[in-house]
Amino acid sequence: MCDIREFIQALGGCRAVAQRLGAKYTTIHSHLAAGAFPAKYYDAFCALAVEVGREPPPKKLFSFVQIPEAARRSGIAGGSGDAVTDVDSDEKRGAA
């Protein structure tokens, strides 16, 4: 099983990853300390993994948006369906 620290070390450590991505060391280190990288880094980390001859990182190391369980069971991707439309908002403010 690959954890986030192990993966970053395999890529050369925080400084090497930051330099390769054009990011600040503190940015990479902060995400490492938080235990997950933003999903926007996934493709870049996959490319870095290929460069060092390693498997792509597991998606669990990234903060991808998940569909809530209730929506998944019902097949609704948008959630509860209680969204307020512009018309509803106008009516609530008293506009006609």
PDB file of N, CA and C in Angstrom:
ATOM      1  N   MET A   1       0.854  -1.184   0.000  1.00  0.00           N
ATOM      2  CA  MET A   1       0.000   0.000   0.000  1.00  0.00           C
ATOM      3  C   MET A   1       0.896   1.243   0.000  1.00  0.00           C
ATOM      4  N   CYS A   2       0.546   2.208  -0.799  1.00  0.00           N
ATOM      5  CA  CYS A   2       1.337   3.423  -0.954  1.00  0.00           C
ATOM      6  C   CYS A   2       0.711   4.554  -0.151  1.00  0.00           C
ATOM      7  N   ASP A   3       1.496   5.130   0.763  1.00  0.00           N
ATOM      8  CA  ASP A   3       0.975   6.303   1.449  1.00  0.00           C
ATOM      9  C   ASP A   3       1.588   7.550   0.812  1.00  0.00           C
ATOM     10  N   ILE A   4       1.091   8.692   1.199  1.00  0.00           N
ATOM     11  CA  ILE A   4       1.464   9.936   0.538  1.00  0.00           C
ATOM     12  C   ILE A   4       2.946  10.265   0.726  1.00  0.00           C
ATOM     13  N   ARG A   5       3.471  10.038   1.915  1.00  0.00           N
ATOM     14  CA  ARG A   5       4.892  10.325   2.170  1.00  0.00           C
ATOM     15  C   ARG A   5       5.792   9.410   1.347  1.00  0.00           C
ATOM     16  N   GLU A   6       5.444   8.154   1.299  1.00  0.00           N
ATOM     17  CA  GLU A   6       6.212   7.184   0.519  1.00  0.00           C
ATOM     18  C   GLU A   6       6.234   7.587  -0.961  1.00  0.00           C
ATOM     19  N   PHE A   7       5.094   8.024  -1.453  1.00  0.00           N
ATOM     20  CA  PHE A   7       5.008   8.404  -2.856  1.00  0.00           C
ATOM     21  C   PHE A   7       5.876   9.633  -3.145  1.00  0.00           C
ATOM     22  N   ILE A   8       5.796  10.647  -2.309  1.00  0.00           N
ATOM     23  CA  ILE A   8       6.596  11.863  -2.508  1.00  0.00           C
ATOM     24  C   ILE A   8       8.087  11.535  -2.418  1.00  0.00           C
ATOM     25  N   GLN A   9       8.464  10.688  -1.486  1.00  0.00           N
ATOM     26  CA  GLN A   9       9.866  10.275  -1.379  1.00  0.00           C
ATOM     27  C   GLN A   9      10.321   9.560  -2.653  1.00  0.00           C
ATOM     28  N   ALA A  10       9.468   8.732  -3.211  1.00  0.00           N
ATOM     29  CA  ALA A  10       9.810   8.013  -4.449  1.00  0.00           C
ATOM     30  C   ALA A  10      10.032   8.974  -5.617  1.00  0.00           C
ATOM     31  N   LEU A  11       9.406  10.153  -5.534  1.00  0.00           N
ATOM     32  CA  LEU A  11       9.570  11.161  -6.590  1.00  0.00           C
ATOM     33  C   LEU A  11      10.755  12.086  -6.324  1.00  0.00           C
ATOM     34  N   GLY A  12      11.452  11.871  -5.206  1.00  0.00           N
ATOM     35  CA  GLY A  12      12.630  12.671  -4.906  1.00  0.00           C
ATOM     36  C   GLY A  12      12.470  13.618  -3.734  1.00  0.00           C
ATOM     37  N   GLY A  13      11.315  13.602  -3.081  1.00  0.00           N
ATOM     38  CA  GLY A  13      11.076  14.451  -1.924  1.00  0.00           C
ATOM     39  C   GLY A  13      10.338  15.728  -2.284  1.00  0.00           C
ATOM     40  N   CYS A  14       9.938  16.454  -1.259  1.00  0.00           N
ATOM     41  CA  CYS A  14       9.133  17.672  -1.438  1.00  0.00           C
ATOM     42  C   CYS A  14       9.825  18.710  -2.302  1.00  0.00           C
ATOM     43  N   ARG A  15      11.111  18.945  -2.064  1.00  0.00           N
ATOM     44  CA  ARG A  15      11.813  19.980  -2.830  1.00  0.00           C
ATOM     45  C   ARG A  15      11.877  19.624  -4.309  1.00  0.00           C
ATOM     46  N   ALA A  16      12.183  18.382  -4.613  1.00  0.00           N
ATOM     47  CA  ALA A  16      12.270  17.958  -6.011  1.00  0.00           C
ATOM     48  C   ALA A  16      10.911  18.050  -6.703  1.00  0.00           C
ATOM     49  N   VAL A  17       9.865  17.628  -6.009  1.00  0.00           N
ATOM     50  CA  VAL A  17       8.512  17.689  -6.572  1.00  0.00           C
ATOM     51  C   VAL A  17       8.097  19.138  -6.787  1.00  0.00           C
ATOM     52  N   ALA A  18       8.349  19.987  -5.802  1.00  0.00           N
ATOM     53  CA  ALA A  18       7.997  21.399  -5.928  1.00  0.00           C
ATOM     54  C   ALA A  18       8.713  22.028  -7.115  1.00  0.00           C
ATOM     55  N   GLN A  19       9.979  21.762  -7.236  1.00  0.00           N
ATOM     56  CA  GLN A  19      10.753  22.319  -8.343  1.00  0.00           C
ATOM     57  C   GLN A  19      10.228  21.828  -9.686  1.00  0.00           C
ATOM     58  N   ARG A  20       9.954  20.542  -9.768  1.00  0.00           N
ATOM     59  CA  ARG A  20       9.474  19.959 -11.029  1.00  0.00           C
ATOM     60  C   ARG A  20       8.110  20.504 -11.427  1.00  0.00           C
ATOM     61  N   LEU A  21       7.257  20.794 -10.440  1.00  0.00           N
ATOM     62  CA  LEU A  21       5.904  21.302 -10.714  1.00  0.00           C
ATOM     63  C   LEU A  21       5.853  22.830 -10.806  1.00  0.00           C
ATOM     64  N   GLY A  22       6.962  23.489 -10.478  1.00  0.00           N
ATOM     65  CA  GLY A  22       6.957  24.945 -10.474  1.00  0.00           C
ATOM     66  C   GLY A  22       6.147  25.507  -9.313  1.00  0.00           C
ATOM     67  N   ALA A  23       6.106  24.759  -8.224  1.00  0.00           N
ATOM     68  CA  ALA A  23       5.355  25.162  -7.031  1.00  0.00           C
ATOM     69  C   ALA A  23       6.337  25.497  -5.912  1.00  0.00           C
ATOM     70  N   LYS A  24       5.843  26.145  -4.893  1.00  0.00           N
ATOM     71  CA  LYS A  24       6.673  26.435  -3.729  1.00  0.00           C
ATOM     72  C   LYS A  24       6.806  25.177  -2.883  1.00  0.00           C
ATOM     73  N   TYR A  25       7.969  25.036  -2.262  1.00  0.00           N
ATOM     74  CA  TYR A  25       8.198  23.920  -1.345  1.00  0.00           C
ATOM     75  C   TYR A  25       7.117  23.886  -0.267  1.00  0.00           C
ATOM     76  N   THR A  26       6.793  25.063   0.294  1.00  0.00           N
ATOM     77  CA  THR A  26       5.819  25.108   1.383  1.00  0.00           C
ATOM     78  C   THR A  26       4.435  24.632   0.936  1.00  0.00           C
ATOM     79  N   THR A  27       4.097  24.876  -0.320  1.00  0.00           N
ATOM     80  CA  THR A  27       2.807  24.413  -0.844  1.00  0.00           C
ATOM     81  C   THR A  27       2.764  22.893  -0.858  1.00  0.00           C
ATOM     82  N   ILE A  28       3.796  22.294  -1.422  1.00  0.00           N
ATOM     83  CA  ILE A  28       3.846  20.827  -1.505  1.00  0.00           C
ATOM     84  C   ILE A  28       3.913  20.223  -0.107  1.00  0.00           C
ATOM     85  N   HIS A  29       4.732  20.801   0.753  1.00  0.00           N
ATOM     86  CA  HIS A  29       4.866  20.269   2.110  1.00  0.00           C
ATOM     87  C   HIS A  29       3.559  20.393   2.885  1.00  0.00           C
ATOM     88  N   SER A  30       2.837  21.486   2.697  1.00  0.00           N
ATOM     89  CA  SER A  30       1.555  21.669   3.398  1.00  0.00           C
ATOM     90  C   SER A  30       0.540  20.615   2.982  1.00  0.00           C
ATOM     91  N   HIS A  31       0.475  20.330   1.684  1.00  0.00           N
ATOM     92  CA  HIS A  31      -0.447  19.292   1.215  1.00  0.00           C
ATOM     93  C   HIS A  31      -0.028  17.927   1.753  1.00  0.00           C
ATOM     94  N   LEU A  32       1.265  17.688   1.793  1.00  0.00           N
ATOM     95  CA  LEU A  32       1.779  16.439   2.342  1.00  0.00           C
ATOM     96  C   LEU A  32       1.370  16.303   3.805  1.00  0.00           C
ATOM     97  N   ALA A  33       1.554  17.371   4.565  1.00  0.00           N
ATOM     98  CA  ALA A  33       1.192  17.352   5.985  1.00  0.00           C
ATOM     99  C   ALA A  33      -0.313  17.166   6.182  1.00  0.00           C
ATOM    100  N   ALA A  34      -1.102  17.711   5.260  1.00  0.00           N
ATOM    101  CA  ALA A  34      -2.560  17.575   5.345  1.00  0.00           C
ATOM    102  C   ALA A  34      -3.020  16.158   5.009  1.00  0.00           C
ATOM    103  N   GLY A  35      -2.181  15.410   4.336  1.00  0.00           N
ATOM    104  CA  GLY A  35      -2.513  14.015   4.027  1.00  0.00           C
ATOM    105  C   GLY A  35      -3.166  13.792   2.678  1.00  0.00           C
ATOM    106  N   ALA A  36      -3.328  14.856   1.887  1.00  0.00           N
ATOM    107  CA  ALA A  36      -3.914  14.703   0.557  1.00  0.00           C
ATOM    108  C   ALA A  36      -3.544  15.913  -0.297  1.00  0.00           C
ATOM    109  N   PHE A  37      -3.375  15.665  -1.578  1.00  0.00           N
ATOM    110  CA  PHE A  37      -3.123  16.745  -2.525  1.00  0.00           C
ATOM    111  C   PHE A  37      -4.418  17.083  -3.242  1.00  0.00           C
ATOM    112  N   PRO A  38      -4.571  18.357  -3.642  1.00  0.00           N
ATOM    113  CA  PRO A  38      -5.750  18.711  -4.432  1.00  0.00           C
ATOM    114  C   PRO A  38      -5.788  17.884  -5.717  1.00  0.00           C
ATOM    115  N   ALA A  39      -6.977  17.571  -6.160  1.00  0.00           N
ATOM    116  CA  ALA A  39      -7.153  16.741  -7.356  1.00  0.00           C
ATOM    117  C   ALA A  39      -6.474  17.335  -8.580  1.00  0.00           C
ATOM    118  N   LYS A  40      -6.302  18.662  -8.621  1.00  0.00           N
ATOM    119  CA  LYS A  40      -5.679  19.298  -9.786  1.00  0.00           C
ATOM    120  C   LYS A  40      -4.239  18.828 -10.002  1.00  0.00           C
ATOM    121  N   TYR A  41      -3.616  18.235  -9.001  1.00  0.00           N
ATOM    122  CA  TYR A  41      -2.251  17.731  -9.127  1.00  0.00           C
ATOM    123  C   TYR A  41      -2.187  16.293  -9.661  1.00  0.00           C
ATOM    124  N   TYR A  42      -3.302  15.626  -9.786  1.00  0.00           N
ATOM    125  CA  TYR A  42      -3.287  14.204 -10.124  1.00  0.00           C
ATOM    126  C   TYR A  42      -2.545  13.907 -11.429  1.00  0.00           C
ATOM    127  N   ASP A  43      -2.887  14.597 -12.507  1.00  0.00           N
ATOM    128  CA  ASP A  43      -2.230  14.333 -13.799  1.00  0.00           C
ATOM    129  C   ASP A  43      -0.734  14.591 -13.734  1.00  0.00           C
ATOM    130  N   ALA A  44      -0.349  15.662 -13.061  1.00  0.00           N
ATOM    131  CA  ALA A  44       1.079  15.979 -12.933  1.00  0.00           C
ATOM    132  C   ALA A  44       1.811  14.887 -12.153  1.00  0.00           C
ATOM    133  N   PHE A  45       1.206  14.396 -11.086  1.00  0.00           N
ATOM    134  CA  PHE A  45       1.843  13.338 -10.307  1.00  0.00           C
ATOM    135  C   PHE A  45       1.918  12.029 -11.097  1.00  0.00           C
ATOM    136  N   CYS A  46       0.922  11.769 -11.919  1.00  0.00           N
ATOM    137  CA  CYS A  46       0.983  10.579 -12.785  1.00  0.00           C
ATOM    138  C   CYS A  46       2.165  10.693 -13.739  1.00  0.00           C
ATOM    139  N   ALA A  47       2.358  11.869 -14.322  1.00  0.00           N
ATOM    140  CA  ALA A  47       3.477  12.084 -15.237  1.00  0.00           C
ATOM    141  C   ALA A  47       4.818  11.951 -14.512  1.00  0.00           C
ATOM    142  N   LEU A  48       4.916  12.505 -13.306  1.00  0.00           N
ATOM    143  CA  LEU A  48       6.146  12.378 -12.528  1.00  0.00           C
ATOM    144  C   LEU A  48       6.431  10.921 -12.179  1.00  0.00           C
ATOM    145  N   ALA A  49       5.382  10.179 -11.875  1.00  0.00           N
ATOM    146  CA  ALA A  49       5.558   8.759 -11.551  1.00  0.00           C
ATOM    147  C   ALA A  49       6.132   8.002 -12.753  1.00  0.00           C
ATOM    148  N   VAL A  50       5.632   8.284 -13.928  1.00  0.00           N
ATOM    149  CA  VAL A  50       6.145   7.639 -15.143  1.00  0.00           C
ATOM    150  C   VAL A  50       7.619   7.983 -15.336  1.00  0.00           C
ATOM    151  N   GLU A  51       7.976   9.249 -15.094  1.00  0.00           N
ATOM    152  CA  GLU A  51       9.370   9.682 -15.248  1.00  0.00           C
ATOM    153  C   GLU A  51      10.334   8.894 -14.373  1.00  0.00           C
ATOM    154  N   VAL A  52       9.892   8.494 -13.181  1.00  0.00           N
ATOM    155  CA  VAL A  52      10.781   7.760 -12.276  1.00  0.00           C
ATOM    156  C   VAL A  52      10.516   6.252 -12.302  1.00  0.00           C
ATOM    157  N   GLY A  53       9.693   5.807 -13.255  1.00  0.00           N
ATOM    158  CA  GLY A  53       9.439   4.375 -13.404  1.00  0.00           C
ATOM    159  C   GLY A  53       8.570   3.780 -12.318  1.00  0.00           C
ATOM    160  N   ARG A  54       7.632   4.548 -11.849  1.00  0.00           N
ATOM    161  CA  ARG A  54       6.734   4.107 -10.774  1.00  0.00           C
ATOM    162  C   ARG A  54       5.296   4.082 -11.268  1.00  0.00           C
ATOM    163  N   GLU A  55       4.488   3.293 -10.608  1.00  0.00           N
ATOM    164  CA  GLU A  55       3.057   3.239 -10.926  1.00  0.00           C
ATOM    165  C   GLU A  55       2.411   4.577 -10.604  1.00  0.00           C
ATOM    166  N   PRO A  56       1.343   4.934 -11.308  1.00  0.00           N
ATOM    167  CA  PRO A  56       0.625   6.166 -10.966  1.00  0.00           C
ATOM    168  C   PRO A  56       0.140   6.114  -9.516  1.00  0.00           C
ATOM    169  N   PRO A  57      -0.002   7.261  -8.892  1.00  0.00           N
ATOM    170  CA  PRO A  57      -0.428   7.279  -7.490  1.00  0.00           C
ATOM    171  C   PRO A  57      -1.881   6.851  -7.349  1.00  0.00           C
ATOM    172  N   PRO A  58      -2.216   6.231  -6.231  1.00  0.00           N
ATOM    173  CA  PRO A  58      -3.630   5.912  -6.005  1.00  0.00           C
ATOM    174  C   PRO A  58      -4.442   7.196  -5.833  1.00  0.00           C
ATOM    175  N   LYS A  59      -5.648   7.181  -6.335  1.00  0.00           N
ATOM    176  CA  LYS A  59      -6.498   8.375  -6.261  1.00  0.00           C
ATOM    177  C   LYS A  59      -6.821   8.771  -4.828  1.00  0.00           C
ATOM    178  N   LYS A  60      -6.699   7.842  -3.898  1.00  0.00           N
ATOM    179  CA  LYS A  60      -6.998   8.156  -2.496  1.00  0.00           C
ATOM    180  C   LYS A  60      -6.030   9.182  -1.908  1.00  0.00           C
ATOM    181  N   LEU A  61      -4.913   9.450  -2.588  1.00  0.00           N
ATOM    182  CA  LEU A  61      -3.957  10.442  -2.117  1.00  0.00           C
ATOM    183  C   LEU A  61      -4.357  11.866  -2.504  1.00  0.00           C
ATOM    184  N   PHE A  62      -5.496  11.997  -3.181  1.00  0.00           N
ATOM    185  CA  PHE A  62      -5.946  13.287  -3.696  1.00  0.00           C
ATOM    186  C   PHE A  62      -7.362  13.583  -3.212  1.00  0.00           C
ATOM    187  N   SER A  63      -7.686  14.849  -3.163  1.00  0.00           N
ATOM    188  CA  SER A  63      -8.994  15.264  -2.643  1.00  0.00           C
ATOM    189  C   SER A  63     -10.006  15.442  -3.780  1.00  0.00           C
ATOM    190  N   PHE A  64     -10.349  14.347  -4.418  1.00  0.00           N
ATOM    191  CA  PHE A  64     -11.377  14.381  -5.449  1.00  0.00           C
ATOM    192  C   PHE A  64     -12.741  14.579  -4.810  1.00  0.00           C
ATOM    193  N   VAL A  65     -13.624  15.269  -5.502  1.00  0.00           N
ATOM    194  CA  VAL A  65     -14.988  15.464  -5.021  1.00  0.00           C
ATOM    195  C   VAL A  65     -15.730  14.138  -5.162  1.00  0.00           C
ATOM    196  N   GLN A  66     -16.415  13.746  -4.115  1.00  0.00           N
ATOM    197  CA  GLN A  66     -17.168  12.495  -4.109  1.00  0.00           C
ATOM    198  C   GLN A  66     -18.656  12.776  -4.198  1.00  0.00           C
ATOM    199  N   ILE A  67     -19.382  11.910  -4.854  1.00  0.00           N
ATOM    200  CA  ILE A  67     -20.839  12.010  -4.884  1.00  0.00           C
ATOM    201  C   ILE A  67     -21.355  11.498  -3.547  1.00  0.00           C
ATOM    202  N   PRO A  68     -22.235  12.258  -2.880  1.00  0.00           N
ATOM    203  CA  PRO A  68     -22.771  11.794  -1.594  1.00  0.00           C
ATOM    204  C   PRO A  68     -23.441  10.427  -1.741  1.00  0.00           C
ATOM    205  N   GLU A  69     -23.342   9.623  -0.723  1.00  0.00           N
ATOM    206  CA  GLU A  69     -23.862   8.248  -0.745  1.00  0.00           C
ATOM    207  C   GLU A  69     -25.345   8.193  -1.107  1.00  0.00           C
ATOM    208  N   ALA A  70     -26.162   9.063  -0.549  1.00  0.00           N
ATOM    209  CA  ALA A  70     -27.599   9.041  -0.828  1.00  0.00           C
ATOM    210  C   ALA A  70     -27.874   9.298  -2.303  1.00  0.00           C
ATOM    211  N   ALA A  71     -27.135  10.217  -2.899  1.00  0.00           N
ATOM    212  CA  ALA A  71     -27.317  10.517  -4.320  1.00  0.00           C
ATOM    213  C   ALA A  71     -26.865   9.348  -5.177  1.00  0.00           C
ATOM    214  N   ARG A  72     -25.807   8.673  -4.754  1.00  0.00           N
ATOM    215  CA  ARG A  72     -25.320   7.517  -5.503  1.00  0.00           C
ATOM    216  C   ARG A  72     -26.354   6.405  -5.515  1.00  0.00           C
ATOM    217  N   ARG A  73     -26.978   6.166  -4.362  1.00  0.00           N
ATOM    218  CA  ARG A  73     -27.978   5.081  -4.267  1.00  0.00           C
ATOM    219  C   ARG A  73     -29.200   5.385  -5.120  1.00  0.00           C
ATOM    220  N   SER A  74     -29.600   6.661  -5.166  1.00  0.00           N
ATOM    221  CA  SER A  74     -30.812   7.006  -5.895  1.00  0.00           C
ATOM    222  C   SER A  74     -30.548   7.309  -7.361  1.00  0.00           C
ATOM    223  N   GLY A  75     -29.276   7.421  -7.717  1.00  0.00           N
ATOM    224  CA  GLY A  75     -28.936   7.722  -9.097  1.00  0.00           C
ATOM    225  C   GLY A  75     -28.996   9.196  -9.416  1.00  0.00           C
ATOM    226  N   ILE A  76     -29.166  10.021  -8.406  1.00  0.00           N
ATOM    227  CA  ILE A  76     -29.212  11.466  -8.597  1.00  0.00           C
ATOM    228  C   ILE A  76     -27.819  12.016  -8.349  1.00  0.00           C
ATOM    229  N   ALA A  77     -27.255  12.669  -9.339  1.00  0.00           N
ATOM    230  CA  ALA A  77     -25.910  13.212  -9.182  1.00  0.00           C
ATOM    231  C   ALA A  77     -25.912  14.569  -8.503  1.00  0.00           C
ATOM    232  N   GLY A  78     -27.043  15.255  -8.478  1.00  0.00           N
ATOM    233  CA  GLY A  78     -27.074  16.616  -7.959  1.00  0.00           C
ATOM    234  C   GLY A  78     -27.447  16.731  -6.500  1.00  0.00           C
ATOM    235  N   GLY A  79     -27.734  15.666  -5.832  1.00  0.00           N
ATOM    236  CA  GLY A  79     -28.060  15.750  -4.408  1.00  0.00           C
ATOM    237  C   GLY A  79     -29.546  15.668  -4.151  1.00  0.00           C
ATOM    238  N   SER A  80     -30.054  16.558  -3.285  1.00  0.00           N
ATOM    239  CA  SER A  80     -31.415  16.439  -2.770  1.00  0.00           C
ATOM    240  C   SER A  80     -32.493  16.940  -3.709  1.00  0.00           C
ATOM    241  N   GLY A  81     -32.120  17.739  -4.707  1.00  0.00           N
ATOM    242  CA  GLY A  81     -33.134  18.281  -5.603  1.00  0.00           C
ATOM    243  C   GLY A  81     -33.842  19.478  -5.033  1.00  0.00           C
ATOM    244  N   ASP A  82     -33.341  20.039  -3.934  1.00  0.00           N
ATOM    245  CA  ASP A  82     -33.960  21.185  -3.282  1.00  0.00           C
ATOM    246  C   ASP A  82     -33.331  22.504  -3.716  1.00  0.00           C
ATOM    247  N   ALA A  83     -32.659  22.516  -4.857  1.00  0.00           N
ATOM    248  CA  ALA A  83     -31.992  23.736  -5.303  1.00  0.00           C
ATOM    249  C   ALA A  83     -33.018  24.826  -5.573  1.00  0.00           C
ATOM    250  N   VAL A  84     -32.673  26.042  -5.214  1.00  0.00           N
ATOM    251  CA  VAL A  84     -33.544  27.190  -5.439  1.00  0.00           C
ATOM    252  C   VAL A  84     -33.216  27.769  -6.801  1.00  0.00           C
ATOM    253  N   THR A  85     -34.225  27.951  -7.627  1.00  0.00           N
ATOM    254  CA  THR A  85     -34.015  28.534  -8.944  1.00  0.00           C
ATOM    255  C   THR A  85     -34.062  30.038  -8.845  1.00  0.00           C
ATOM    256  N   ASP A  86     -33.695  30.733  -9.922  1.00  0.00           N
ATOM    257  CA  ASP A  86     -33.751  32.190  -9.940  1.00  0.00           C
ATOM    258  C   ASP A  86     -35.175  32.674  -9.733  1.00  0.00           C
ATOM    259  N   VAL A  87     -36.159  31.994 -10.340  1.00  0.00           N
ATOM    260  CA  VAL A  87     -37.558  32.376 -10.192  1.00  0.00           C
ATOM    261  C   VAL A  87     -37.973  32.227  -8.736  1.00  0.00           C
ATOM    262  N   ASP A  88     -37.599  31.110  -8.115  1.00  0.00           N
ATOM    263  CA  ASP A  88     -37.940  30.908  -6.714  1.00  0.00           C
ATOM    264  C   ASP A  88     -37.330  32.013  -5.852  1.00  0.00           C
ATOM    265  N   SER A  89     -36.094  32.396  -6.140  1.00  0.00           N
ATOM    266  CA  SER A  89     -35.436  33.434  -5.363  1.00  0.00           C
ATOM    267  C   SER A  89     -36.164  34.749  -5.502  1.00  0.00           C
ATOM    268  N   ASP A  90     -36.593  35.093  -6.723  1.00  0.00           N
ATOM    269  CA  ASP A  90     -37.314  36.342  -6.945  1.00  0.00           C
ATOM    270  C   ASP A  90     -38.635  36.353  -6.179  1.00  0.00           C
ATOM    271  N   GLU A  91     -39.342  35.228  -6.193  1.00  0.00           N
ATOM    272  CA  GLU A  91     -40.619  35.139  -5.491  1.00  0.00           C
ATOM    273  C   GLU A  91     -40.431  35.295  -3.989  1.00  0.00           C
ATOM    274  N   LYS A  92     -39.355  34.741  -3.453  1.00  0.00           N
ATOM    275  CA  LYS A  92     -39.108  34.847  -2.025  1.00  0.00           C
ATOM    276  C   LYS A  92     -38.770  36.281  -1.631  1.00  0.00           C
ATOM    277  N   ARG A  93     -38.166  37.044  -2.543  1.00  0.00           N
ATOM    278  CA  ARG A  93     -37.844  38.446  -2.256  1.00  0.00           C
ATOM    279  C   ARG A  93     -39.037  39.362  -2.487  1.00  0.00           C
ATOM    280  N   GLY A  94     -40.128  38.832  -3.035  1.00  0.00           N
ATOM    281  CA  GLY A  94     -41.326  39.634  -3.258  1.00  0.00           C
ATOM    282  C   GLY A  94     -41.420  40.211  -4.640  1.00  0.00           C
ATOM    283  N   ALA A  95     -40.504  39.861  -5.538  1.00  0.00           N
ATOM    284  CA  ALA A  95     -40.568  40.350  -6.913  1.00  0.00           C
ATOM    285  C   ALA A  95     -41.582  39.517  -7.691  1.00  0.00           C
ATOM    286  N   ALA A  96     -42.184  40.116  -8.681  1.00  0.00           N
ATOM    287  CA  ALA A  96     -43.188  39.381  -9.473  1.00  0.00           C
ATOM    288  C   ALA A  96     -42.676  39.077 -10.835  1.00  0.00           C
TER     289      ALA A  96
END
